[in-house]
Amino acid sequence: MGVLKILRAAASGDKQADRVVPPSGYTATLTGFSAAAMAFLAVFTLALALATGRLADRWSAELARTATVRISAPKGQMQAQTTAVLNVLKTTPGIKSARPLSDAEQRKLLAPWFGPDLPLDSLPIPRLIEVVEKDGGPDVEGLRLRLAAEAPGAIYDDHTRWRQPLVNAARRLRLLAGISMALIALATAAMITLAASAALAANATVISVLRLVGAKDTYIARAFVRRFTLRALGGAAVGTLLAMGAVLLLPSAAREGGFLTGLGFQGAEWILPLLIPFLAAFVSFWATRMAALRTLRGIS
C-alpha cells in the first residue's frame, strides 16, 4: 500500500470511531513529540549527508581535472628537463594546458609545513608543473613512458591517491546516512508502538464494551490507526519545518569549500525533507496497525 493511499485511508476513516482513542493525554503528546523529534533529526541527517557528499564530489572532480608533474633533477639539469616535459605535455592528446609553478607559488604551497620564508634556492625542492586535462584525460601510461624517455627525473601524478579516498568517503557518508535514516524510522516505529499499546491497554474496558455491542477488532484498530497516523503526520510536519528553518540559518557554502559551511540543501534538494512527514505517517500506520491487532488479541 502506497503512502498516499495510507494517508487517504487514514483521513477518510470513520471519525466516530475516534471516540475510542483518547484525544489527549500522554500517548498523544508522546506520539506527536516523537514524530517531531525524529523528523527534526532526519532533516539534519539528510542535510549533512547531502552537503558532505557534494563537498567530496566537488573535491574529487577538481582533482580529476588536474594533474602534477614533479621534476627532481640536479640544479644544472632542472631547466632542460622542465623544457622537455613541457614539450611532451604540449604534444600529448588529452592535455589542455601545462605551466610550471613559480617560486612564489611553490613557497605558498609549502608554507603550512615549512613556514613562509623557505629558501627554495638552497634546498633540493622538485619543480612542479600544473597540468589541466581535457575530458577523458590522456593515456597516462603512455605519457609516463614518454616522460621517462625525455626527462628521467619527471613523475606524472594524476592525483588518484588523493581522489579515491574522497570518492570512498562520499559513498560511505551516503551509506551512513541511509543507515541513520533507517534507525530513525525504527525508533519512531518503536515509540509509536509503545504509545498505541499503552492507549489500547488504558481503554481495555471501552474495548470490551464495544465488543459486546458487536464492534469487530478491525473497526477498533482502524480508529487507533487513523488517530496515531494523523498525530505522527502532524508532529513530523512541525519537526520538519523547524529543522528546515534551522538549516536556513546555517552558514552558506564558502568559496574555499570548507567542511563546516554549506551544510544545507541546494536547488531541488529542498523537496527531499518535505517527504519526511509522509514517511513518518507511513511508518506510524504500519506500527500502529500491528500493535493494535496484537494488543487486541491479548485483551479478553
Protein backbone atom coordinates (compact mmCIF):
# COMPACT_ATOMS: atom_id res chain seq x y z
CA MET A 1 0.00 0.00 0.00
CA GLY A 2 1.45 3.35 -1.04
CA VAL A 3 1.95 6.31 1.25
CA LEU A 4 -0.78 8.39 -0.42
CA LYS A 5 -3.28 5.52 -0.17
CA ILE A 6 -2.45 5.10 3.50
CA LEU A 7 -2.95 8.83 4.17
CA ARG A 8 -6.21 8.80 2.22
CA ALA A 9 -7.44 5.81 4.18
CA ALA A 10 -6.45 7.44 7.48
CA ALA A 11 -8.08 10.75 6.62
CA SER A 12 -11.32 9.22 5.32
CA GLY A 13 -11.80 6.73 8.15
CA ASP A 14 -14.77 6.58 10.49
CA LYS A 15 -14.44 9.76 12.54
CA GLN A 16 -16.96 8.45 15.07
CA ALA A 17 -14.60 5.61 15.85
CA ASP A 18 -12.09 8.19 17.09
CA ARG A 19 -14.03 8.33 20.34
CA VAL A 20 -12.38 5.04 21.22
CA VAL A 21 -8.99 6.77 21.29
CA PRO A 22 -8.34 9.37 23.98
CA PRO A 23 -7.97 12.75 22.24
CA SER A 24 -5.39 13.92 24.78
CA GLY A 25 -3.05 12.56 27.38
CA TYR A 26 0.50 11.33 27.42
CA THR A 27 0.03 8.99 24.44
CA ALA A 28 -0.97 11.89 22.20
CA THR A 29 1.91 14.00 23.49
CA LEU A 30 4.39 11.13 23.14
CA THR A 31 3.33 10.38 19.56
CA GLY A 32 3.48 13.99 18.37
CA PHE A 33 6.72 14.76 20.17
CA SER A 34 8.43 11.58 18.99
CA ALA A 35 7.45 12.21 15.37
CA ALA A 36 8.57 15.85 15.57
CA ALA A 37 11.92 15.00 17.19
CA MET A 38 12.69 12.19 14.76
CA ALA A 39 11.72 14.30 11.76
CA PHE A 40 13.99 17.08 13.04
CA LEU A 41 16.90 14.65 13.31
CA ALA A 42 16.10 13.12 9.91
CA VAL A 43 16.25 16.52 8.20
CA PHE A 44 19.67 17.28 9.66
CA THR A 45 20.93 13.80 8.82
CA LEU A 46 19.79 14.29 5.25
CA ALA A 47 21.29 17.79 5.05
CA LEU A 48 24.64 16.65 6.43
CA ALA A 49 24.81 13.67 4.09
CA LEU A 50 23.98 15.73 1.01
CA ALA A 51 26.38 18.53 1.92
CA THR A 52 29.33 16.27 2.69
CA GLY A 53 28.61 14.25 -0.43
CA ARG A 54 28.61 17.42 -2.54
CA LEU A 55 31.87 18.54 -0.96
CA ALA A 56 33.62 15.21 -1.56
CA ASP A 57 32.29 15.05 -5.12
CA ARG A 58 33.49 18.60 -5.82
CA TRP A 59 36.95 17.91 -4.45
CA SER A 60 37.13 14.67 -6.40
CA ALA A 61 36.00 16.37 -9.63
CA GLU A 62 38.55 19.15 -9.22
CA LEU A 63 41.35 16.68 -8.63
CA ALA A 64 40.18 14.59 -11.57
CA ARG A 65 40.64 17.54 -13.95
CA THR A 66 44.16 18.36 -12.79
CA ALA A 67 47.48 16.58 -12.51
CA THR A 68 51.01 17.45 -11.49
CA VAL A 69 54.39 16.66 -12.97
CA ARG A 70 57.13 16.60 -10.36
CA ILE A 71 60.69 17.04 -11.66
CA SER A 72 63.61 16.01 -9.47
CA ALA A 73 66.94 16.74 -11.12
CA PRO A 74 70.31 18.36 -10.38
CA LYS A 75 70.23 22.15 -10.47
CA GLY A 76 72.11 22.30 -13.74
CA GLN A 77 69.61 19.99 -15.48
CA MET A 78 66.38 21.35 -13.99
CA GLN A 79 65.64 23.89 -16.72
CA ALA A 80 66.40 21.45 -19.54
CA GLN A 81 64.16 18.76 -18.08
CA THR A 82 61.40 21.31 -17.43
CA THR A 83 61.51 22.38 -21.08
CA ALA A 84 61.47 18.74 -22.22
CA VAL A 85 58.46 17.96 -20.01
CA LEU A 86 56.53 20.98 -21.32
CA ASN A 87 57.22 19.91 -24.92
CA VAL A 88 55.95 16.40 -24.18
CA LEU A 89 52.81 17.72 -22.50
CA LYS A 90 52.02 20.13 -25.36
CA THR A 91 52.06 17.28 -27.87
CA THR A 92 50.06 14.84 -25.73
CA PRO A 93 46.36 14.35 -26.62
CA GLY A 94 44.07 14.91 -23.63
CA ILE A 95 46.19 17.69 -22.09
CA LYS A 96 44.52 21.08 -22.13
CA SER A 97 47.33 23.16 -20.65
CA ALA A 98 50.52 22.90 -18.64
CA ARG A 99 52.58 25.51 -16.83
CA PRO A 100 55.42 25.41 -14.29
CA LEU A 101 54.63 26.85 -10.87
CA SER A 102 56.62 29.92 -9.92
CA ASP A 103 58.85 30.02 -6.85
CA ALA A 104 56.25 32.16 -5.09
CA GLU A 105 53.52 29.60 -5.77
CA GLN A 106 55.66 26.69 -4.58
CA ARG A 107 56.64 28.65 -1.48
CA LYS A 108 52.95 29.25 -0.77
CA LEU A 109 52.21 25.55 -1.13
CA LEU A 110 54.97 24.60 1.29
CA ALA A 111 54.33 27.44 3.78
CA PRO A 112 51.89 25.44 6.01
CA TRP A 113 54.65 22.90 6.67
CA PHE A 114 57.91 24.89 6.45
CA GLY A 115 56.87 28.49 7.05
CA PRO A 116 56.73 31.47 4.65
CA ASP A 117 60.49 32.09 4.49
CA LEU A 118 61.52 28.81 2.88
CA PRO A 119 64.82 29.24 0.92
CA LEU A 120 63.94 27.45 -2.31
CA ASP A 121 67.28 28.25 -3.93
CA SER A 122 69.29 26.42 -1.28
CA LEU A 123 67.08 23.34 -0.98
CA PRO A 124 66.69 20.46 -3.48
CA ILE A 125 62.96 21.02 -3.96
CA PRO A 126 61.39 19.46 -7.07
CA ARG A 127 59.97 21.69 -9.78
CA LEU A 128 56.20 21.35 -10.11
CA ILE A 129 54.26 21.66 -13.37
CA GLU A 130 50.50 22.12 -13.14
CA VAL A 131 48.59 20.14 -15.76
CA VAL A 132 44.94 20.65 -16.71
CA GLU A 133 43.38 17.69 -18.50
CA LYS A 134 40.63 17.64 -21.09
CA ASP A 135 37.54 15.45 -20.75
CA GLY A 136 38.70 11.87 -20.82
CA GLY A 137 42.27 12.82 -20.00
CA PRO A 138 45.47 11.50 -21.59
CA ASP A 139 46.82 7.99 -21.88
CA VAL A 140 48.56 8.06 -18.52
CA GLU A 141 50.74 5.01 -19.02
CA GLY A 142 51.89 6.17 -22.45
CA LEU A 143 52.57 9.66 -21.10
CA ARG A 144 54.66 8.29 -18.25
CA LEU A 145 56.74 6.25 -20.70
CA ARG A 146 57.37 9.35 -22.84
CA LEU A 147 58.35 11.37 -19.78
CA ALA A 148 60.71 8.63 -18.62
CA ALA A 149 62.45 8.76 -22.01
CA GLU A 150 62.58 12.57 -22.39
CA ALA A 151 63.01 13.62 -18.75
CA PRO A 152 64.08 10.79 -16.41
CA GLY A 153 63.54 12.93 -13.33
CA ALA A 154 59.86 13.67 -14.10
CA ILE A 155 56.97 11.87 -12.41
CA TYR A 156 53.36 12.30 -13.59
CA ASP A 157 50.87 12.35 -10.68
CA ASP A 158 47.19 12.23 -11.71
CA HIS A 159 46.06 12.60 -8.06
CA THR A 160 44.45 9.15 -8.00
CA ARG A 161 45.72 8.51 -4.47
CA TRP A 162 44.10 11.78 -3.34
CA ARG A 163 40.91 11.40 -5.33
CA GLN A 164 39.98 7.82 -4.42
CA PRO A 165 39.71 8.41 -0.64
CA LEU A 166 37.31 11.30 -1.32
CA VAL A 167 35.15 9.12 -3.56
CA ASN A 168 35.13 6.40 -0.90
CA ALA A 169 34.27 8.96 1.77
CA ALA A 170 31.29 10.21 -0.23
CA ARG A 171 29.99 6.67 -0.69
CA ARG A 172 30.40 5.83 2.98
CA LEU A 173 28.71 9.05 4.08
CA ARG A 174 25.71 8.27 1.91
CA LEU A 175 25.62 4.73 3.30
CA LEU A 176 25.81 6.02 6.86
CA ALA A 177 23.03 8.50 6.10
CA GLY A 178 20.84 5.67 4.83
CA ILE A 179 21.56 3.60 7.95
CA SER A 180 20.83 6.62 10.17
CA MET A 181 17.52 7.25 8.42
CA ALA A 182 16.58 3.58 8.84
CA LEU A 183 17.43 3.74 12.57
CA ILE A 184 15.36 6.90 12.95
CA ALA A 185 12.42 5.17 11.26
CA LEU A 186 12.78 2.12 13.53
CA ALA A 187 13.00 4.30 16.65
CA THR A 188 9.88 6.20 15.54
CA ALA A 189 8.03 2.93 14.95
CA ALA A 190 9.08 1.62 18.38
CA MET A 191 7.88 4.73 20.25
CA ILE A 192 4.61 4.90 18.36
CA THR A 193 4.07 1.19 19.01
CA LEU A 194 4.54 1.77 22.74
CA ALA A 195 2.17 4.73 22.70
CA ALA A 196 -0.51 2.82 20.77
CA SER A 197 -0.19 -0.22 23.02
CA ALA A 198 -0.49 1.99 26.11
CA ALA A 199 -3.59 3.69 24.69
CA LEU A 200 -5.20 0.34 23.88
CA ALA A 201 -4.41 -1.04 27.33
CA ALA A 202 -5.81 2.09 29.00
CA ASN A 203 -9.07 1.65 27.08
CA ALA A 204 -9.48 -2.07 27.72
CA THR A 205 -12.85 -1.52 29.40
CA VAL A 206 -14.16 0.58 26.50
CA ILE A 207 -12.95 -2.02 24.03
CA SER A 208 -14.75 -4.78 25.92
CA VAL A 209 -17.99 -2.81 25.78
CA LEU A 210 -17.55 -2.17 22.07
CA ARG A 211 -17.10 -5.87 21.50
CA LEU A 212 -20.29 -6.58 23.41
CA VAL A 213 -22.26 -4.30 21.08
CA GLY A 214 -20.80 -6.01 18.01
CA ALA A 215 -17.73 -3.95 17.11
CA LYS A 216 -15.04 -6.00 15.41
CA ASP A 217 -11.36 -5.73 16.20
CA THR A 218 -10.63 -4.36 12.73
CA TYR A 219 -13.08 -1.49 13.39
CA ILE A 220 -11.42 -0.69 16.72
CA ALA A 221 -7.93 -0.99 15.23
CA ARG A 222 -8.82 1.42 12.40
CA ALA A 223 -9.73 4.06 14.97
CA PHE A 224 -6.30 3.82 16.60
CA VAL A 225 -4.51 3.64 13.26
CA ARG A 226 -6.27 6.75 11.98
CA ARG A 227 -5.65 8.81 15.09
CA PHE A 228 -1.99 7.85 15.53
CA THR A 229 -1.19 8.20 11.82
CA LEU A 230 -2.54 11.74 11.76
CA ARG A 231 -0.73 12.56 15.01
CA ALA A 232 2.54 11.34 13.55
CA LEU A 233 1.95 13.27 10.33
CA GLY A 234 1.27 16.49 12.20
CA GLY A 235 4.19 16.08 14.59
CA ALA A 236 6.61 15.19 11.79
CA ALA A 237 5.43 18.17 9.74
CA VAL A 238 6.18 20.52 12.66
CA GLY A 239 9.59 18.94 13.25
CA THR A 240 10.44 19.10 9.54
CA LEU A 241 9.52 22.77 9.23
CA LEU A 242 11.52 23.67 12.35
CA ALA A 243 14.54 21.77 11.03
CA MET A 244 14.30 23.37 7.60
CA GLY A 245 14.18 26.78 9.27
CA ALA A 246 17.27 25.89 11.29
CA VAL A 247 19.08 24.70 8.16
CA LEU A 248 18.38 28.06 6.52
CA LEU A 249 20.27 29.74 9.37
CA LEU A 250 23.41 27.68 8.81
CA PRO A 251 26.41 29.37 7.08
CA SER A 252 26.30 29.31 3.30
CA ALA A 253 28.90 27.46 1.27
CA ALA A 254 32.31 29.14 1.24
CA ARG A 255 34.27 29.57 -1.96
CA GLU A 256 37.05 27.51 -0.44
CA GLY A 257 34.68 24.58 0.05
CA GLY A 258 35.11 24.48 3.83
CA PHE A 259 33.69 21.46 5.58
CA LEU A 260 31.66 23.45 8.11
CA THR A 261 29.94 25.63 5.52
CA GLY A 262 27.12 24.88 3.12
CA LEU A 263 25.60 22.18 5.36
CA GLY A 264 22.16 22.54 3.82
CA PHE A 265 20.08 21.86 0.75
CA GLN A 266 20.55 23.28 -2.73
CA GLY A 267 18.00 23.65 -5.51
CA ALA A 268 15.68 20.68 -5.87
CA GLU A 269 17.15 19.10 -2.72
CA TRP A 270 14.71 21.22 -0.68
CA ILE A 271 11.94 18.88 -1.87
CA LEU A 272 13.51 15.88 -0.10
CA PRO A 273 12.84 16.95 3.53
CA LEU A 274 9.19 17.61 2.63
CA LEU A 275 8.81 13.87 2.09
CA ILE A 276 9.77 13.08 5.70
CA PRO A 277 6.30 13.74 7.24
CA PHE A 278 4.71 11.35 4.75
CA LEU A 279 7.32 8.71 5.53
CA ALA A 280 6.62 9.21 9.24
CA ALA A 281 2.91 8.71 8.59
CA PHE A 282 3.68 5.55 6.63
CA VAL A 283 5.78 4.17 9.50
CA SER A 284 3.12 5.15 12.03
CA PHE A 285 0.36 3.48 10.03
CA TRP A 286 2.03 0.08 9.97
CA ALA A 287 3.44 0.31 13.51
CA THR A 288 0.04 1.23 14.95
CA ARG A 289 -1.79 -1.36 12.88
CA MET A 290 0.45 -4.21 14.01
CA ALA A 291 0.45 -3.02 17.63
CA ALA A 292 -3.33 -2.62 17.66
CA LEU A 293 -4.09 -6.04 16.23
CA ARG A 294 -1.54 -7.72 18.52
CA THR A 295 -2.81 -5.92 21.63
CA LEU A 296 -6.47 -6.55 20.80
CA ARG A 297 -5.80 -10.28 20.56
CA GLY A 298 -4.43 -10.15 24.10
CA ILE A 299 -7.42 -8.25 25.53
CA SER A 300 -10.13 -10.66 26.59
